C-alpha atoms as a PDB file:
ATOM      1  CA  MET A   1      27.572   0.144  -5.666  1.00  0.00           C
ATOM      2  CA  PRO A   2      25.413   3.310  -5.330  1.00  0.00           C
ATOM      3  CA  ARG A   3      22.637   3.817  -7.855  1.00  0.00           C
ATOM      4  CA  GLN A   4      23.133   6.452 -10.554  1.00  0.00           C
ATOM      5  CA  LEU A   5      19.808   8.241 -10.308  1.00  0.00           C
ATOM      6  CA  PRO A   6      18.922  11.612 -11.827  1.00  0.00           C
ATOM      7  CA  PRO A   7      16.963  14.070  -9.642  1.00  0.00           C
ATOM      8  CA  LEU A   8      13.289  13.152  -9.296  1.00  0.00           C
ATOM      9  CA  ASN A   9      12.122  16.607 -10.433  1.00  0.00           C
ATOM     10  CA  ALA A  10      14.093  16.224 -13.668  1.00  0.00           C
ATOM     11  CA  LEU A  11      12.494  12.833 -14.311  1.00  0.00           C
ATOM     12  CA  ARG A  12       8.985  14.172 -13.590  1.00  0.00           C
ATOM     13  CA  SER A  13       9.581  17.104 -15.921  1.00  0.00           C
ATOM     14  CA  PHE A  14      10.868  14.813 -18.667  1.00  0.00           C
ATOM     15  CA  GLU A  15       7.959  12.376 -18.299  1.00  0.00           C
ATOM     16  CA  ALA A  16       5.334  15.129 -18.484  1.00  0.00           C
ATOM     17  CA  ALA A  17       7.067  16.897 -21.393  1.00  0.00           C
ATOM     18  CA  ALA A  18       7.405  13.606 -23.269  1.00  0.00           C
ATOM     19  CA  ARG A  19       3.737  12.795 -22.762  1.00  0.00           C
ATOM     20  CA  TYR A  20       2.578  16.110 -24.167  1.00  0.00           C
ATOM     21  CA  GLU A  21       5.604  16.848 -26.356  1.00  0.00           C
ATOM     22  CA  SER A  22       5.270  20.294 -24.879  1.00  0.00           C
ATOM     23  CA  PHE A  23       7.163  22.126 -22.152  1.00  0.00           C
ATOM     24  CA  THR A  24       4.234  24.513 -21.703  1.00  0.00           C
ATOM     25  CA  ARG A  25       1.623  21.822 -21.024  1.00  0.00           C
ATOM     26  CA  ALA A  26       4.048  19.945 -18.796  1.00  0.00           C
ATOM     27  CA  ALA A  27       4.599  23.133 -16.806  1.00  0.00           C
ATOM     28  CA  GLU A  28       0.826  23.575 -16.375  1.00  0.00           C
ATOM     29  CA  GLU A  29       0.489  20.027 -15.024  1.00  0.00           C
ATOM     30  CA  LEU A  30       3.424  20.364 -12.639  1.00  0.00           C
ATOM     31  CA  HIS A  31       2.472  23.906 -11.539  1.00  0.00           C
ATOM     32  CA  VAL A  32       5.850  25.382 -12.445  1.00  0.00           C
ATOM     33  CA  THR A  33       7.058  27.700 -15.186  1.00  0.00           C
ATOM     34  CA  GLN A  34       7.777  26.602 -18.740  1.00  0.00           C
ATOM     35  CA  GLY A  35      11.364  27.714 -18.228  1.00  0.00           C
ATOM     36  CA  ALA A  36      11.721  25.504 -15.150  1.00  0.00           C
ATOM     37  CA  VAL A  37      10.618  22.420 -17.111  1.00  0.00           C
ATOM     38  CA  SER A  38      12.933  23.275 -20.005  1.00  0.00           C
ATOM     39  CA  GLN A  39      15.845  23.737 -17.589  1.00  0.00           C
ATOM     40  CA  GLN A  40      15.173  20.428 -15.824  1.00  0.00           C
ATOM     41  CA  VAL A  41      15.031  18.522 -19.111  1.00  0.00           C
ATOM     42  CA  LYS A  42      18.204  20.201 -20.387  1.00  0.00           C
ATOM     43  CA  ALA A  43      20.009  19.284 -17.166  1.00  0.00           C
ATOM     44  CA  LEU A  44      18.827  15.685 -17.550  1.00  0.00           C
ATOM     45  CA  GLU A  45      20.097  15.527 -21.150  1.00  0.00           C
ATOM     46  CA  THR A  46      23.435  16.902 -19.994  1.00  0.00           C
ATOM     47  CA  GLN A  47      23.727  14.352 -17.187  1.00  0.00           C
ATOM     48  CA  LEU A  48      22.819  11.459 -19.478  1.00  0.00           C
ATOM     49  CA  GLY A  49      24.782  12.738 -22.456  1.00  0.00           C
ATOM     50  CA  ILE A  50      21.768  11.883 -24.619  1.00  0.00           C
ATOM     51  CA  LYS A  51      19.407  14.092 -26.614  1.00  0.00           C
ATOM     52  CA  LEU A  52      15.865  13.366 -25.472  1.00  0.00           C
ATOM     53  CA  PHE A  53      14.021  15.975 -27.588  1.00  0.00           C
ATOM     54  CA  ASN A  54      14.443  17.766 -30.866  1.00  0.00           C
ATOM     55  CA  ARG A  55      13.348  21.412 -30.786  1.00  0.00           C
ATOM     56  CA  GLU A  56      11.831  22.095 -34.213  1.00  0.00           C
ATOM     57  CA  ARG A  57      10.227  25.466 -35.112  1.00  0.00           C
ATOM     58  CA  GLN A  58       8.499  26.086 -31.813  1.00  0.00           C
ATOM     59  CA  ARG A  59       7.635  22.384 -31.531  1.00  0.00           C
ATOM     60  CA  LEU A  60       9.033  19.667 -29.347  1.00  0.00           C
ATOM     61  CA  ARG A  61       9.679  16.217 -30.814  1.00  0.00           C
ATOM     62  CA  ILE A  62      10.784  13.322 -28.643  1.00  0.00           C
ATOM     63  CA  THR A  63      13.735  11.332 -29.995  1.00  0.00           C
ATOM     64  CA  GLN A  64      13.827   7.537 -30.189  1.00  0.00           C
ATOM     65  CA  ALA A  65      16.205   7.501 -27.250  1.00  0.00           C
ATOM     66  CA  GLY A  66      13.689   9.673 -25.415  1.00  0.00           C
ATOM     67  CA  ARG A  67      10.874   7.209 -26.174  1.00  0.00           C
ATOM     68  CA  ASP A  68      12.933   4.309 -24.890  1.00  0.00           C
ATOM     69  CA  TYR A  69      13.787   6.211 -21.711  1.00  0.00           C
ATOM     70  CA  LEU A  70      10.163   7.301 -21.283  1.00  0.00           C
ATOM     71  CA  ASP A  71       9.056   3.661 -21.033  1.00  0.00           C
ATOM     72  CA  VAL A  72      11.520   3.090 -18.197  1.00  0.00           C
ATOM     73  CA  ILE A  73      10.702   6.296 -16.309  1.00  0.00           C
ATOM     74  CA  ARG A  74       6.934   5.926 -16.693  1.00  0.00           C
ATOM     75  CA  GLU A  75       7.059   2.406 -15.242  1.00  0.00           C
ATOM     76  CA  ALA A  76       9.266   3.571 -12.363  1.00  0.00           C
ATOM     77  CA  LEU A  77       7.009   6.548 -11.522  1.00  0.00           C
ATOM     78  CA  ASP A  78       3.906   4.358 -11.702  1.00  0.00           C
ATOM     79  CA  HIS A  79       5.599   1.910  -9.349  1.00  0.00           C
ATOM     80  CA  ILE A  80       6.511   4.684  -6.902  1.00  0.00           C
ATOM     81  CA  GLY A  81       2.985   6.109  -7.085  1.00  0.00           C
ATOM     82  CA  ALA A  82       1.313   2.764  -6.466  1.00  0.00           C
ATOM     83  CA  GLY A  83       3.682   1.972  -3.612  1.00  0.00           C
ATOM     84  CA  THR A  84       3.057   5.367  -2.015  1.00  0.00           C
ATOM     85  CA  GLU A  85      -0.699   4.914  -2.254  1.00  0.00           C
ATOM     86  CA  ARG A  86      -0.525   1.474  -0.627  1.00  0.00           C
ATOM     87  CA  LEU A  87       1.726   2.858   2.101  1.00  0.00           C
ATOM     88  CA  LEU A  88      -0.660   5.691   2.924  1.00  0.00           C
ATOM     89  CA  GLN A  89      -3.669   3.371   2.918  1.00  0.00           C
ATOM     90  CA  ARG A  90      -1.948   0.921   5.254  1.00  0.00           C
ATOM     91  CA  GLN A  91      -0.890   3.684   7.624  1.00  0.00           C
ATOM     92  CA  GLY A  92      -4.396   5.034   7.928  1.00  0.00           C
ATOM     93  CA  GLY A  93      -6.391   1.794   8.275  1.00  0.00           C
ATOM     94  CA  ASN A  94      -6.797  -0.686  11.108  1.00  0.00           C
ATOM     95  CA  VAL A  95      -5.847  -3.749   9.021  1.00  0.00           C
ATOM     96  CA  LEU A  96      -2.447  -5.191   9.910  1.00  0.00           C
ATOM     97  CA  THR A  97      -1.130  -7.731   7.413  1.00  0.00           C
ATOM     98  CA  VAL A  98       1.684  -9.954   8.645  1.00  0.00           C
ATOM     99  CA  SER A  99       3.797 -12.274   6.508  1.00  0.00           C
ATOM    100  CA  THR A 100       5.630 -15.186   8.145  1.00  0.00           C
ATOM    101  CA  SER A 101       7.221 -18.464   7.161  1.00  0.00           C
ATOM    102  CA  LEU A 102       5.089 -21.595   7.298  1.00  0.00           C
ATOM    103  CA  ASP A 103       7.030 -23.051  10.231  1.00  0.00           C
ATOM    104  CA  PHE A 104       6.949 -19.870  12.317  1.00  0.00           C
ATOM    105  CA  ALA A 105       3.217 -19.530  11.748  1.00  0.00           C
ATOM    106  CA  ALA A 106       2.500 -23.163  12.651  1.00  0.00           C
ATOM    107  CA  LYS A 107       4.753 -23.596  15.685  1.00  0.00           C
ATOM    108  CA  TRP A 108       4.955 -20.105  17.172  1.00  0.00           C
ATOM    109  CA  LEU A 109       2.434 -17.552  15.985  1.00  0.00           C
ATOM    110  CA  VAL A 110      -1.023 -19.065  15.537  1.00  0.00           C
ATOM    111  CA  HIS A 111      -1.260 -20.451  19.069  1.00  0.00           C
ATOM    112  CA  ARG A 112      -0.707 -16.970  20.526  1.00  0.00           C
ATOM    113  CA  LEU A 113      -2.972 -14.824  18.365  1.00  0.00           C
ATOM    114  CA  ALA A 114      -5.811 -14.764  20.888  1.00  0.00           C
ATOM    115  CA  SER A 115      -3.661 -12.819  23.340  1.00  0.00           C
ATOM    116  CA  PHE A 116      -2.838 -10.191  20.727  1.00  0.00           C
ATOM    117  CA  THR A 117      -6.424  -9.728  19.561  1.00  0.00           C
ATOM    118  CA  ALA A 118      -7.609  -9.530  23.176  1.00  0.00           C
ATOM    119  CA  ALA A 119      -5.053  -6.820  23.944  1.00  0.00           C
ATOM    120  CA  HIS A 120      -5.638  -4.941  20.660  1.00  0.00           C
ATOM    121  CA  PRO A 121      -9.268  -5.445  19.579  1.00  0.00           C
ATOM    122  CA  GLY A 122      -9.102  -2.430  17.269  1.00  0.00           C
ATOM    123  CA  ILE A 123      -6.478  -4.015  15.011  1.00  0.00           C
ATOM    124  CA  ASP A 124      -7.768  -6.275  12.237  1.00  0.00           C
ATOM    125  CA  LEU A 125      -4.932  -8.816  12.035  1.00  0.00           C
ATOM    126  CA  ARG A 126      -4.309 -10.759   8.812  1.00  0.00           C
ATOM    127  CA  VAL A 127      -1.625 -13.483   8.714  1.00  0.00           C
ATOM    128  CA  SER A 128      -0.139 -14.819   5.490  1.00  0.00           C
ATOM    129  CA  ALA A 129       2.230 -17.792   5.720  1.00  0.00           C
ATOM    130  CA  THR A 130       4.493 -18.007   2.673  1.00  0.00           C
ATOM    131  CA  MET A 131       7.915 -19.295   1.714  1.00  0.00           C
ATOM    132  CA  HIS A 132       9.092 -16.232  -0.206  1.00  0.00           C
ATOM    133  CA  HIS A 133      10.499 -13.077   1.335  1.00  0.00           C
ATOM    134  CA  VAL A 134       7.933 -10.340   0.930  1.00  0.00           C
ATOM    135  CA  ASP A 135       8.456  -7.357  -1.387  1.00  0.00           C
ATOM    136  CA  PHE A 136       6.942  -4.498   0.599  1.00  0.00           C
ATOM    137  CA  THR A 137       6.802  -2.266  -2.495  1.00  0.00           C
ATOM    138  CA  ARG A 138       4.614  -4.708  -4.406  1.00  0.00           C
ATOM    139  CA  GLU A 139       2.605  -6.559  -1.761  1.00  0.00           C
ATOM    140  CA  ASP A 140       0.036  -5.367   0.754  1.00  0.00           C
ATOM    141  CA  VAL A 141       2.074  -6.467   3.747  1.00  0.00           C
ATOM    142  CA  ASP A 142       2.865  -4.268   6.750  1.00  0.00           C
ATOM    143  CA  VAL A 143       5.336  -6.384   8.687  1.00  0.00           C
ATOM    144  CA  ALA A 144       7.123  -9.704   8.193  1.00  0.00           C
ATOM    145  CA  VAL A 145       8.818 -12.215  10.475  1.00  0.00           C
ATOM    146  CA  ARG A 146      11.604 -14.004   8.680  1.00  0.00           C
ATOM    147  CA  HIS A 147      14.596 -16.187   9.510  1.00  0.00           C
ATOM    148  CA  SER A 148      17.963 -14.817   8.444  1.00  0.00           C
ATOM    149  CA  GLU A 149      21.498 -14.044   9.490  1.00  0.00           C
ATOM    150  CA  GLY A 150      20.547 -10.365   9.333  1.00  0.00           C
ATOM    151  CA  GLY A 151      21.184  -7.670   6.793  1.00  0.00           C
ATOM    152  CA  TRP A 152      17.956  -6.094   5.573  1.00  0.00           C
ATOM    153  CA  PRO A 153      19.003  -3.059   3.467  1.00  0.00           C
ATOM    154  CA  GLY A 154      16.401  -0.324   3.353  1.00  0.00           C
ATOM    155  CA  LEU A 155      14.198  -1.976   5.988  1.00  0.00           C
ATOM    156  CA  GLU A 156      13.698  -1.640   9.727  1.00  0.00           C
ATOM    157  CA  ALA A 157      14.725  -4.954  11.312  1.00  0.00           C
ATOM    158  CA  THR A 158      14.533  -6.022  14.963  1.00  0.00           C
ATOM    159  CA  ARG A 159      15.902  -9.346  16.166  1.00  0.00           C
ATOM    160  CA  LEU A 160      13.132 -11.365  17.804  1.00  0.00           C
ATOM    161  CA  CYS A 161      15.326 -13.524  20.045  1.00  0.00           C
ATOM    162  CA  ALA A 162      18.571 -15.421  20.485  1.00  0.00           C
ATOM    163  CA  GLU A 163      18.450 -19.073  19.496  1.00  0.00           C
ATOM    164  CA  GLN A 164      20.163 -22.372  20.109  1.00  0.00           C
ATOM    165  CA  ILE A 165      20.008 -25.703  18.270  1.00  0.00           C
ATOM    166  CA  PHE A 166      19.645 -28.848  20.372  1.00  0.00           C
ATOM    167  CA  ALA A 167      18.203 -32.360  20.367  1.00  0.00           C
ATOM    168  CA  ILE A 168      14.551 -32.901  21.317  1.00  0.00           C
ATOM    169  CA  CYS A 169      12.402 -35.957  21.860  1.00  0.00           C
ATOM    170  CA  SER A 170       9.198 -37.130  23.513  1.00  0.00           C
ATOM    171  CA  PRO A 171       9.408 -37.906  27.259  1.00  0.00           C
ATOM    172  CA  LYS A 172       8.360 -41.410  26.221  1.00  0.00           C
ATOM    173  CA  LEU A 173      11.908 -42.043  24.982  1.00  0.00           C
ATOM    174  CA  LEU A 174      13.250 -41.704  28.545  1.00  0.00           C
ATOM    175  CA  VAL A 175      11.411 -44.778  29.820  1.00  0.00           C
ATOM    176  CA  GLY A 176      11.672 -48.456  28.980  1.00  0.00           C
ATOM    177  CA  ARG A 177      14.524 -50.840  28.360  1.00  0.00           C
ATOM    178  CA  ASN A 178      15.889 -48.904  25.366  1.00  0.00           C
ATOM    179  CA  ARG A 179      15.502 -45.496  26.971  1.00  0.00           C
ATOM    180  CA  LEU A 180      17.853 -42.595  26.326  1.00  0.00           C
ATOM    181  CA  LYS A 181      20.503 -42.486  29.025  1.00  0.00           C
ATOM    182  CA  LYS A 182      23.570 -41.138  27.227  1.00  0.00           C
ATOM    183  CA  PRO A 183      24.136 -39.307  23.923  1.00  0.00           C
ATOM    184  CA  ALA A 184      25.153 -42.456  22.049  1.00  0.00           C
ATOM    185  CA  ASP A 185      21.706 -43.884  22.808  1.00  0.00           C
ATOM    186  CA  VAL A 186      20.139 -41.628  20.169  1.00  0.00           C
ATOM    187  CA  LEU A 187      21.345 -44.195  17.635  1.00  0.00           C
ATOM    188  CA  LYS A 188      18.772 -46.618  19.063  1.00  0.00           C
ATOM    189  CA  PHE A 189      16.077 -44.397  17.571  1.00  0.00           C
ATOM    190  CA  PRO A 190      15.283 -42.821  14.203  1.00  0.00           C
ATOM    191  CA  LEU A 191      17.047 -39.481  13.748  1.00  0.00           C
ATOM    192  CA  LEU A 192      14.364 -37.166  12.401  1.00  0.00           C
ATOM    193  CA  ARG A 193      15.901 -34.499  10.203  1.00  0.00           C
ATOM    194  CA  LEU A 194      15.423 -31.885   7.555  1.00  0.00           C
ATOM    195  CA  GLU A 195      16.842 -32.279   4.080  1.00  0.00           C
ATOM    196  CA  ASP A 196      19.885 -30.130   4.915  1.00  0.00           C
ATOM    197  CA  GLN A 197      20.558 -31.307   8.490  1.00  0.00           C
ATOM    198  CA  SER A 198      23.233 -33.949   7.946  1.00  0.00           C
ATOM    199  CA  LYS A 199      25.959 -31.436   8.866  1.00  0.00           C
ATOM    200  CA  ALA A 200      23.964 -30.316  11.903  1.00  0.00           C
ATOM    201  CA  TRP A 201      23.744 -33.883  13.172  1.00  0.00           C
ATOM    202  CA  ALA A 202      27.474 -34.347  12.546  1.00  0.00           C
ATOM    203  CA  ARG A 203      28.099 -31.268  14.701  1.00  0.00           C
ATOM    204  CA  TRP A 204      25.848 -32.633  17.454  1.00  0.00           C
ATOM    205  CA  PHE A 205      27.685 -35.966  17.505  1.00  0.00           C
ATOM    206  CA  ALA A 206      31.005 -34.092  17.680  1.00  0.00           C
ATOM    207  CA  LEU A 207      29.770 -32.084  20.685  1.00  0.00           C
ATOM    208  CA  ALA A 208      28.607 -35.323  22.302  1.00  0.00           C
ATOM    209  CA  GLY A 209      31.916 -37.068  21.677  1.00  0.00           C
ATOM    210  CA  VAL A 210      30.140 -39.833  19.766  1.00  0.00           C
ATOM    211  CA  ALA A 211      31.277 -41.230  16.425  1.00  0.00           C
ATOM    212  CA  ALA A 212      28.694 -40.244  13.823  1.00  0.00           C
ATOM    213  CA  PRO A 213      27.323 -43.114  11.723  1.00  0.00           C
ATOM    214  CA  ASP A 214      28.051 -43.176   8.006  1.00  0.00           C
ATOM    215  CA  ARG A 215      24.329 -43.235   7.334  1.00  0.00           C
ATOM    216  CA  LEU A 216      21.809 -41.501   9.579  1.00  0.00           C
ATOM    217  CA  PRO A 217      18.792 -43.665  10.377  1.00  0.00           C
ATOM    218  CA  GLY A 218      15.296 -42.200  10.121  1.00  0.00           C
ATOM    219  CA  PRO A 219      13.087 -40.196   7.775  1.00  0.00           C
ATOM    220  CA  VAL A 220      13.925 -36.906   6.063  1.00  0.00           C
ATOM    221  CA  LEU A 221      11.205 -34.217   6.203  1.00  0.00           C
ATOM    222  CA  ASN A 222      11.001 -30.839   4.522  1.00  0.00           C
ATOM    223  CA  ARG A 223       9.368 -28.726   7.248  1.00  0.00           C
ATOM    224  CA  ALA A 224      10.698 -28.006  10.721  1.00  0.00           C
ATOM    225  CA  SER A 225       7.140 -27.995  12.073  1.00  0.00           C
ATOM    226  CA  MET A 226       6.653 -31.569  10.810  1.00  0.00           C
ATOM    227  CA  LEU A 227       9.937 -32.556  12.450  1.00  0.00           C
ATOM    228  CA  ILE A 228       8.836 -31.272  15.857  1.00  0.00           C
ATOM    229  CA  ASP A 229       5.400 -32.882  15.566  1.00  0.00           C
ATOM    230  CA  ALA A 230       7.013 -36.230  14.726  1.00  0.00           C
ATOM    231  CA  ALA A 231       9.224 -35.890  17.809  1.00  0.00           C
ATOM    232  CA  ILE A 232       6.148 -35.141  19.943  1.00  0.00           C
ATOM    233  CA  ASP A 233       4.649 -38.420  18.711  1.00  0.00           C
ATOM    234  CA  GLY A 234       7.715 -40.290  19.901  1.00  0.00           C
ATOM    235  CA  GLN A 235       8.852 -41.203  16.397  1.00  0.00           C
ATOM    236  CA  GLY A 236      12.505 -40.428  17.097  1.00  0.00           C
ATOM    237  CA  VAL A 237      15.022 -37.757  18.089  1.00  0.00           C
ATOM    238  CA  ALA A 238      15.207 -34.447  16.211  1.00  0.00           C
ATOM    239  CA  LEU A 239      17.284 -31.306  16.180  1.00  0.00           C
ATOM    240  CA  ALA A 240      15.293 -28.123  16.713  1.00  0.00           C
ATOM    241  CA  ARG A 241      15.858 -24.422  17.193  1.00  0.00           C
ATOM    242  CA  THR A 242      14.660 -22.560  20.285  1.00  0.00           C
ATOM    243  CA  THR A 243      11.906 -20.456  18.746  1.00  0.00           C
ATOM    244  CA  LEU A 244      10.017 -23.232  16.988  1.00  0.00           C
ATOM    245  CA  ALA A 245      10.375 -25.714  19.859  1.00  0.00           C
ATOM    246  CA  ALA A 246       9.614 -23.254  22.690  1.00  0.00           C
ATOM    247  CA  ARG A 247       5.883 -23.839  23.099  1.00  0.00           C
ATOM    248  CA  ASP A 248       6.165 -27.630  23.091  1.00  0.00           C
ATOM    249  CA  LEU A 249       9.137 -27.564  25.474  1.00  0.00           C
ATOM    250  CA  ILE A 250       7.254 -25.341  27.916  1.00  0.00           C
ATOM    251  CA  SER A 251       4.160 -27.555  27.737  1.00  0.00           C
ATOM    252  CA  GLY A 252       6.276 -30.693  28.307  1.00  0.00           C
ATOM    253  CA  GLN A 253       5.291 -32.380  25.049  1.00  0.00           C
ATOM    254  CA  ILE A 254       8.975 -32.554  24.153  1.00  0.00           C
ATOM    255  CA  ILE A 255      12.133 -32.377  26.237  1.00  0.00           C
ATOM    256  CA  ARG A 256      15.837 -31.742  25.772  1.00  0.00           C
ATOM    257  CA  PRO A 257      17.363 -35.104  26.728  1.00  0.00           C
ATOM    258  CA  PHE A 258      20.953 -33.783  26.771  1.00  0.00           C
ATOM    259  CA  ASP A 259      22.534 -30.427  27.577  1.00  0.00           C
ATOM    260  CA  LEU A 260      24.270 -30.081  24.218  1.00  0.00           C
ATOM    261  CA  SER A 261      23.622 -27.069  21.993  1.00  0.00           C
ATOM    262  CA  TRP A 262      25.137 -24.360  19.832  1.00  0.00           C
ATOM    263  CA  ARG A 263      24.117 -20.935  18.655  1.00  0.00           C
ATOM    264  CA  PRO A 264      23.239 -20.803  14.928  1.00  0.00           C
ATOM    265  CA  ALA A 265      24.188 -17.933  12.665  1.00  0.00           C
ATOM    266  CA  GLY A 266      20.578 -17.009  11.852  1.00  0.00           C
ATOM    267  CA  THR A 267      17.521 -16.198  13.894  1.00  0.00           C
ATOM    268  CA  TYR A 268      14.086 -14.612  13.442  1.00  0.00           C
ATOM    269  CA  TRP A 269      13.741 -10.920  12.618  1.00  0.00           C
ATOM    270  CA  ILE A 270      10.763  -8.553  12.649  1.00  0.00           C
ATOM    271  CA  VAL A 271      10.989  -6.591   9.406  1.00  0.00           C
ATOM    272  CA  SER A 272       9.031  -3.613   8.045  1.00  0.00           C
ATOM    273  CA  PRO A 273       9.627  -0.636   5.746  1.00  0.00           C
ATOM    274  CA  LYS A 274      11.454   2.163   7.558  1.00  0.00           C
ATOM    275  CA  ALA A 275       8.627   4.561   6.723  1.00  0.00           C
ATOM    276  CA  MET A 276       6.149   2.240   8.469  1.00  0.00           C
ATOM    277  CA  ALA A 277       8.224   1.251  11.493  1.00  0.00           C
ATOM    278  CA  LYS A 278       6.719   3.875  13.827  1.00  0.00           C
ATOM    279  CA  VAL A 279       3.104   3.389  12.724  1.00  0.00           C
ATOM    280  CA  GLU A 280       1.216   2.599  15.920  1.00  0.00           C
ATOM    281  CA  LYS A 281      -0.315  -0.726  14.860  1.00  0.00           C
ATOM    282  CA  ILE A 282       3.073  -2.017  13.694  1.00  0.00           C
ATOM    283  CA  LYS A 283       4.788  -0.795  16.853  1.00  0.00           C
ATOM    284  CA  ARG A 284       2.182  -2.588  18.989  1.00  0.00           C
ATOM    285  CA  PHE A 285       2.576  -5.825  17.073  1.00  0.00           C
ATOM    286  CA  ARG A 286       6.375  -5.634  17.248  1.00  0.00           C
ATOM    287  CA  ASP A 287       6.267  -4.949  21.002  1.00  0.00           C
ATOM    288  CA  TRP A 288       3.895  -7.887  21.483  1.00  0.00           C
ATOM    289  CA  LEU A 289       6.171 -10.237  19.539  1.00  0.00           C
ATOM    290  CA  LEU A 290       9.177  -9.170  21.611  1.00  0.00           C
ATOM    291  CA  SER A 291       7.227  -9.569  24.848  1.00  0.00           C
ATOM    292  CA  GLU A 292       6.112 -13.082  23.899  1.00  0.00           C
ATOM    293  CA  ALA A 293       9.658 -14.069  22.928  1.00  0.00           C
ATOM    294  CA  ALA A 294      11.063 -12.674  26.187  1.00  0.00           C
ATOM    295  CA  ASP A 295       8.444 -14.611  28.162  1.00  0.00           C
ATOM    296  CA  ASP A 296       9.444 -17.795  26.320  1.00  0.00           C
ATOM    297  CA  ALA A 297      13.091 -17.168  27.217  1.00  0.00           C
ATOM    298  CA  ARG A 298      12.257 -16.754  30.916  1.00  0.00           C
ATOM    299  CA  ARG A 299      10.159 -19.922  31.010  1.00  0.00           C
ATOM    300  CA  LEU A 300      12.672 -21.952  29.055  1.00  0.00           C
ATOM    301  CA  SER A 301      15.458 -20.915  31.427  1.00  0.00           C
ATOM    302  CA  ASP A 302      13.546 -22.616  34.266  1.00  0.00           C
ATOM    303  CA  LEU A 303      13.366 -25.981  32.458  1.00  0.00           C
ATOM    304  CA  PRO A 304      15.885 -28.784  33.012  1.00  0.00           C
ATOM    305  CA  ARG A 305      18.559 -28.892  30.323  1.00  0.00           C
ATOM    306  CA  GLY A 306      19.022 -32.654  30.091  1.00  0.00           C
ATOM    307  CA  ARG A 307      21.981 -34.686  31.271  1.00  0.00           C
END
C-alpha cells in the first residue's frame, strides 16, 4: 500500500512555523516569502483535514493537534537529515564498511580479503559480521551481503551466484572398511545438520532413493560454518550450499561423495542503497565479489561430482 505523504516543502514549512509560531520567521529561515509559508501550511491543513494553527490577532498559536504532529515531523526530518549526512560522508571518504552474516564472513569472505586490499589499497575496508539485516538509514554501513530469496524494496540488489545444496564429507570417509560407496552408506556415519535441516535431509534421501530413518543420527549445530568444519574433521556427512563450501571443496578438504543436489530458493545478494550503488568504492567491491564468485564457479565445475 503506497504511503500517504504530504509534500516535503509543506512539512518543512509547518515544522519551521511551529517552532517559531511565526510564518515570518519561518520564511526567513527557509529563504522564501511569508506568503509562501502560509500557503504551504494552509495546503497541509486542507490535505490533513486538521487545524494546525490558530490565527489570533496577528499572532500564530499552534493547536494541540499541531503539537502532536510536530513531534512526528521533527523526528522524521531529523532522521532524514542524519541519514543524508551519513550518506554524504560515506560517499566522500575512503572507508568502506561491509556487513555480512557470520557464516559468509567465516567461510567465504575473510580468506579472500588480501586480494581485495592488494587490488584496492586506497580503500579502507571494514567488515562487520552480524545476524541482523542492516538498516542503511540508521547504521554506518555501505554495502551488505545477505542470504535471501530476493526482494529488497528500495535497495540496489545484485545476486552473487547460483547455488546448489549437496552432501559433503572428508575424503577420509571414502577409505576403510566402512567407507562411503553408495548413498545408503551415509547412515553408517553421523549426519551433521543445522537445527532446521531435517526436511533438507529428507529431500536428499528421496533424491537418493533411500528410505530416511525416523531419527537422524548425529549432532545438531547452529552455524553452517561449524557444520562444514566438522565435516572437514571427518566427524560425519553434512549438507552444504555451494557458496559456503566452495573454498574447502576447491582445496580438497571436503568432497561431494555423490552427485545429488538441488537448487535452493535463496542465495546470497550484494545489497546497498540505490543512491550509493554507483559510488566508485562500492562498485569496485561489488565487481570484486562477483569476480571471486565467478572464479569459484569455474573451479568447482572442474571438480568430480561424486558417484
